[in-house]
């Protein structure tokens, strides 16, 4: 039961931190700052990996391990998708003749 409480605590803290970080970015600066916030989103991957490691070490916590793996996958999708959107946005500023 203790490991589930730890995982719930990490989840709540990560959610609170995410809301606070996103709410501080003005809407006009969201797209230009996306690459910077992707680095912050990388912290989510580290947190998910830490929570999963705790769940793996607890022999009776299969559900914690499942939620940890799901968290790692979703956080990785968030980071990769953010970089793809940033790359596309930066591509809009290139001249028509530039291939690179």
N, C-alpha and C. Protein backbone atom coordinates (compact mmCIF):
# COMPACT_ATOMS: atom_id res chain seq x y z
N UNK A 1 0.83 -1.20 0.00
CA UNK A 1 0.00 0.00 0.00
C UNK A 1 0.86 1.25 0.00
N UNK A 2 2.04 1.19 0.61
CA UNK A 2 2.92 2.35 0.68
C UNK A 2 3.43 2.78 -0.69
N UNK A 3 3.73 1.79 -1.55
CA UNK A 3 4.24 2.15 -2.88
C UNK A 3 3.16 2.79 -3.74
N UNK A 4 1.91 2.39 -3.57
CA UNK A 4 0.81 3.01 -4.30
C UNK A 4 0.65 4.46 -3.85
N UNK A 5 0.77 4.70 -2.56
CA UNK A 5 0.67 6.07 -2.06
C UNK A 5 1.81 6.94 -2.60
N UNK A 6 3.01 6.37 -2.71
CA UNK A 6 4.14 7.11 -3.27
C UNK A 6 3.88 7.44 -4.73
N UNK A 7 3.36 6.48 -5.48
CA UNK A 7 3.06 6.72 -6.89
C UNK A 7 1.97 7.77 -7.06
N UNK A 8 0.96 7.72 -6.22
CA UNK A 8 -0.11 8.73 -6.28
C UNK A 8 0.46 10.11 -5.93
N UNK A 9 1.34 10.16 -4.93
CA UNK A 9 1.97 11.42 -4.55
C UNK A 9 2.79 12.00 -5.70
N UNK A 10 3.58 11.17 -6.34
CA UNK A 10 4.39 11.62 -7.49
C UNK A 10 3.48 12.10 -8.62
N UNK A 11 2.40 11.39 -8.87
CA UNK A 11 1.45 11.78 -9.92
C UNK A 11 0.82 13.14 -9.62
N UNK A 12 0.39 13.35 -8.38
CA UNK A 12 -0.25 14.61 -8.02
C UNK A 12 0.75 15.76 -8.10
N UNK A 13 1.95 15.56 -7.61
CA UNK A 13 2.97 16.61 -7.67
C UNK A 13 3.32 16.93 -9.13
N UNK A 14 3.47 15.90 -9.97
CA UNK A 14 3.78 16.13 -11.39
C UNK A 14 2.64 16.88 -12.08
N UNK A 15 1.42 16.53 -11.77
CA UNK A 15 0.28 17.23 -12.35
C UNK A 15 0.22 18.68 -11.92
N UNK A 16 0.43 18.94 -10.64
CA UNK A 16 0.43 20.31 -10.14
C UNK A 16 1.56 21.12 -10.77
N UNK A 17 2.74 20.54 -10.85
CA UNK A 17 3.87 21.24 -11.45
C UNK A 17 3.61 21.53 -12.92
N UNK A 18 3.04 20.59 -13.64
CA UNK A 18 2.72 20.80 -15.05
C UNK A 18 1.73 21.93 -15.26
N UNK A 19 0.69 21.97 -14.45
CA UNK A 19 -0.32 23.03 -14.57
C UNK A 19 0.31 24.38 -14.26
N UNK A 20 1.13 24.44 -13.22
CA UNK A 20 1.78 25.71 -12.87
C UNK A 20 2.72 26.19 -13.96
N UNK A 21 3.48 25.28 -14.55
CA UNK A 21 4.42 25.69 -15.60
C UNK A 21 3.69 26.16 -16.85
N UNK A 22 2.66 25.44 -17.27
CA UNK A 22 1.92 25.81 -18.48
C UNK A 22 1.16 27.11 -18.27
N UNK A 23 0.61 27.32 -17.10
CA UNK A 23 -0.18 28.54 -16.87
C UNK A 23 0.68 29.80 -16.85
N UNK A 24 1.97 29.67 -16.64
CA UNK A 24 2.85 30.83 -16.61
C UNK A 24 3.26 31.29 -18.01
N UNK A 25 3.03 30.50 -19.03
CA UNK A 25 3.41 30.86 -20.40
C UNK A 25 2.25 31.59 -21.07
N UNK A 26 2.45 32.84 -21.50
CA UNK A 26 1.38 33.56 -22.21
C UNK A 26 1.05 32.88 -23.53
N UNK A 27 -0.19 33.02 -23.97
CA UNK A 27 -0.62 32.32 -25.18
C UNK A 27 0.13 32.80 -26.41
N UNK A 28 0.56 34.07 -26.45
CA UNK A 28 1.30 34.58 -27.60
C UNK A 28 2.69 33.95 -27.72
N UNK A 29 3.23 33.51 -26.63
CA UNK A 29 4.59 32.95 -26.64
C UNK A 29 4.60 31.43 -26.59
N UNK A 30 3.45 30.81 -26.65
CA UNK A 30 3.42 29.36 -26.48
C UNK A 30 4.21 28.63 -27.56
N UNK A 31 3.95 28.97 -28.82
CA UNK A 31 4.64 28.27 -29.90
C UNK A 31 6.13 28.55 -29.92
N UNK A 32 6.58 29.83 -29.81
CA UNK A 32 8.04 30.05 -29.82
C UNK A 32 8.77 29.43 -28.64
N UNK A 33 8.09 29.27 -27.52
CA UNK A 33 8.74 28.71 -26.35
C UNK A 33 8.57 27.19 -26.23
N UNK A 34 7.96 26.60 -27.25
CA UNK A 34 7.66 25.17 -27.17
C UNK A 34 8.92 24.33 -27.04
N UNK A 35 9.98 24.69 -27.76
CA UNK A 35 11.20 23.89 -27.66
C UNK A 35 11.80 23.99 -26.27
N UNK A 36 11.68 25.15 -25.64
CA UNK A 36 12.17 25.28 -24.26
C UNK A 36 11.35 24.47 -23.28
N UNK A 37 10.05 24.47 -23.48
CA UNK A 37 9.20 23.71 -22.57
C UNK A 37 9.30 22.21 -22.82
N UNK A 38 9.78 21.83 -23.99
CA UNK A 38 10.01 20.40 -24.23
C UNK A 38 11.11 19.88 -23.31
N UNK A 39 12.08 20.73 -23.02
CA UNK A 39 13.12 20.32 -22.06
C UNK A 39 12.49 20.11 -20.68
N UNK A 40 11.53 20.97 -20.33
CA UNK A 40 10.83 20.80 -19.06
C UNK A 40 9.98 19.52 -19.10
N UNK A 41 9.39 19.24 -20.26
CA UNK A 41 8.60 18.02 -20.39
C UNK A 41 9.48 16.78 -20.24
N UNK A 42 10.75 16.92 -20.55
CA UNK A 42 11.67 15.81 -20.33
C UNK A 42 11.76 15.42 -18.87
N UNK A 43 11.49 16.37 -17.98
CA UNK A 43 11.48 16.07 -16.55
C UNK A 43 10.36 15.08 -16.24
N UNK A 44 9.26 15.18 -17.00
CA UNK A 44 8.15 14.25 -16.81
C UNK A 44 8.59 12.83 -17.12
N UNK A 45 9.42 12.68 -18.15
CA UNK A 45 9.92 11.35 -18.50
C UNK A 45 10.78 10.81 -17.35
N UNK A 46 11.63 11.67 -16.80
CA UNK A 46 12.48 11.24 -15.68
C UNK A 46 11.63 10.86 -14.47
N UNK A 47 10.60 11.67 -14.19
CA UNK A 47 9.71 11.35 -13.07
C UNK A 47 8.96 10.04 -13.28
N UNK A 48 8.51 9.81 -14.52
CA UNK A 48 7.81 8.56 -14.83
C UNK A 48 8.75 7.37 -14.69
N UNK A 49 9.99 7.56 -15.12
CA UNK A 49 10.97 6.47 -14.98
C UNK A 49 11.27 6.19 -13.51
N UNK A 50 11.35 7.24 -12.70
CA UNK A 50 11.60 7.05 -11.27
C UNK A 50 10.44 6.33 -10.60
N UNK A 51 9.22 6.73 -10.94
CA UNK A 51 8.05 6.08 -10.35
C UNK A 51 7.96 4.62 -10.79
N UNK A 52 8.32 4.36 -12.04
CA UNK A 52 8.30 2.98 -12.53
C UNK A 52 9.37 2.14 -11.83
N UNK A 53 10.53 2.74 -11.58
CA UNK A 53 11.59 2.01 -10.88
C UNK A 53 11.16 1.63 -9.47
N UNK A 54 10.47 2.54 -8.81
CA UNK A 54 9.95 2.23 -7.47
C UNK A 54 8.95 1.09 -7.55
N UNK A 55 8.09 1.12 -8.57
CA UNK A 55 7.08 0.08 -8.73
C UNK A 55 7.71 -1.27 -9.07
N UNK A 56 8.77 -1.26 -9.85
CA UNK A 56 9.44 -2.51 -10.21
C UNK A 56 10.09 -3.15 -8.98
N UNK A 57 10.63 -2.32 -8.11
CA UNK A 57 11.29 -2.85 -6.91
C UNK A 57 10.30 -3.42 -5.90
N UNK A 58 9.05 -2.96 -5.97
CA UNK A 58 8.03 -3.50 -5.06
C UNK A 58 7.45 -4.76 -5.70
N UNK A 59 7.61 -5.90 -5.08
CA UNK A 59 7.20 -7.15 -5.72
C UNK A 59 5.69 -7.29 -5.92
N UNK A 60 4.89 -6.59 -5.16
CA UNK A 60 3.44 -6.79 -5.26
C UNK A 60 2.75 -5.69 -6.05
N UNK A 61 3.51 -4.84 -6.72
CA UNK A 61 2.91 -3.67 -7.37
C UNK A 61 2.91 -3.81 -8.89
N UNK A 62 2.05 -4.67 -9.40
CA UNK A 62 1.92 -4.81 -10.86
C UNK A 62 1.20 -3.62 -11.46
N UNK A 63 0.20 -3.10 -10.79
CA UNK A 63 -0.56 -1.98 -11.33
C UNK A 63 0.31 -0.72 -11.37
N UNK A 64 1.16 -0.54 -10.39
CA UNK A 64 2.08 0.59 -10.39
C UNK A 64 3.05 0.53 -11.55
N UNK A 65 3.52 -0.68 -11.85
CA UNK A 65 4.42 -0.87 -12.98
C UNK A 65 3.70 -0.58 -14.30
N UNK A 66 2.47 -1.00 -14.42
CA UNK A 66 1.69 -0.75 -15.64
C UNK A 66 1.46 0.74 -15.82
N UNK A 67 1.05 1.43 -14.75
CA UNK A 67 0.84 2.87 -14.84
C UNK A 67 2.15 3.60 -15.13
N UNK A 68 3.25 3.13 -14.58
CA UNK A 68 4.55 3.74 -14.85
C UNK A 68 4.95 3.63 -16.30
N UNK A 69 4.76 2.46 -16.89
CA UNK A 69 5.08 2.28 -18.31
C UNK A 69 4.18 3.16 -19.17
N UNK A 70 2.91 3.23 -18.83
CA UNK A 70 1.99 4.11 -19.58
C UNK A 70 2.44 5.56 -19.46
N UNK A 71 2.87 5.97 -18.27
CA UNK A 71 3.34 7.34 -18.07
C UNK A 71 4.59 7.63 -18.89
N UNK A 72 5.51 6.68 -18.96
CA UNK A 72 6.72 6.86 -19.76
C UNK A 72 6.36 7.03 -21.23
N UNK A 73 5.47 6.18 -21.73
CA UNK A 73 5.07 6.24 -23.15
C UNK A 73 4.39 7.58 -23.45
N UNK A 74 3.45 8.00 -22.61
CA UNK A 74 2.74 9.25 -22.87
C UNK A 74 3.67 10.46 -22.77
N UNK A 75 4.57 10.47 -21.82
CA UNK A 75 5.51 11.58 -21.69
C UNK A 75 6.46 11.64 -22.88
N UNK A 76 6.90 10.48 -23.35
CA UNK A 76 7.79 10.44 -24.52
C UNK A 76 7.06 10.94 -25.77
N UNK A 77 5.80 10.56 -25.92
CA UNK A 77 5.00 11.05 -27.05
C UNK A 77 4.87 12.57 -26.97
N UNK A 78 4.67 13.10 -25.78
CA UNK A 78 4.55 14.54 -25.58
C UNK A 78 5.84 15.26 -26.01
N UNK A 79 6.99 14.76 -25.59
CA UNK A 79 8.26 15.39 -25.92
C UNK A 79 8.53 15.31 -27.41
N UNK A 80 8.38 14.14 -28.00
CA UNK A 80 8.64 13.97 -29.44
C UNK A 80 7.68 14.80 -30.27
N UNK A 81 6.41 14.80 -29.91
CA UNK A 81 5.42 15.60 -30.64
C UNK A 81 5.73 17.08 -30.54
N UNK A 82 6.17 17.54 -29.39
CA UNK A 82 6.53 18.95 -29.23
C UNK A 82 7.69 19.34 -30.12
N UNK A 83 8.69 18.48 -30.22
CA UNK A 83 9.81 18.78 -31.09
C UNK A 83 9.40 18.75 -32.56
N UNK A 84 8.50 17.86 -32.93
CA UNK A 84 8.03 17.83 -34.32
C UNK A 84 7.25 19.09 -34.67
N UNK A 85 6.41 19.56 -33.75
CA UNK A 85 5.66 20.80 -33.99
C UNK A 85 6.61 21.98 -34.07
N UNK A 86 7.63 22.02 -33.21
CA UNK A 86 8.60 23.10 -33.25
C UNK A 86 9.36 23.10 -34.56
N UNK A 87 9.75 21.92 -35.02
CA UNK A 87 10.46 21.81 -36.30
C UNK A 87 9.59 22.30 -37.45
N UNK A 88 8.33 21.95 -37.43
CA UNK A 88 7.41 22.40 -38.47
C UNK A 88 7.23 23.92 -38.41
N UNK A 89 7.13 24.46 -37.21
CA UNK A 89 6.98 25.90 -37.06
C UNK A 89 8.22 26.63 -37.59
N UNK A 90 9.40 26.13 -37.28
CA UNK A 90 10.62 26.76 -37.76
C UNK A 90 10.74 26.62 -39.28
N UNK A 91 10.21 25.56 -39.83
CA UNK A 91 10.20 25.38 -41.29
C UNK A 91 9.36 26.43 -41.99
N UNK A 92 8.38 26.97 -41.31
CA UNK A 92 7.54 28.00 -41.91
C UNK A 92 8.31 29.31 -42.12
N UNK A 93 9.41 29.51 -41.42
CA UNK A 93 10.18 30.74 -41.54
C UNK A 93 11.28 30.64 -42.58
N UNK A 94 11.46 29.50 -43.21
CA UNK A 94 12.50 29.34 -44.22
C UNK A 94 12.01 29.88 -45.55
N UNK A 95 12.95 30.33 -46.36
CA UNK A 95 12.62 30.83 -47.68
C UNK A 95 12.25 29.66 -48.58
N UNK A 96 11.52 29.97 -49.64
CA UNK A 96 11.04 28.92 -50.55
C UNK A 96 12.19 28.16 -51.21
N UNK A 97 13.30 28.84 -51.52
CA UNK A 97 14.43 28.22 -52.21
C UNK A 97 15.31 27.37 -51.33
N UNK A 98 15.23 27.55 -50.02
CA UNK A 98 16.07 26.78 -49.10
C UNK A 98 15.57 25.37 -48.96
N UNK A 99 16.45 24.42 -49.21
CA UNK A 99 16.08 23.02 -49.00
C UNK A 99 16.37 22.59 -47.58
N UNK A 100 17.33 23.24 -46.94
CA UNK A 100 17.72 22.85 -45.59
C UNK A 100 17.24 23.83 -44.64
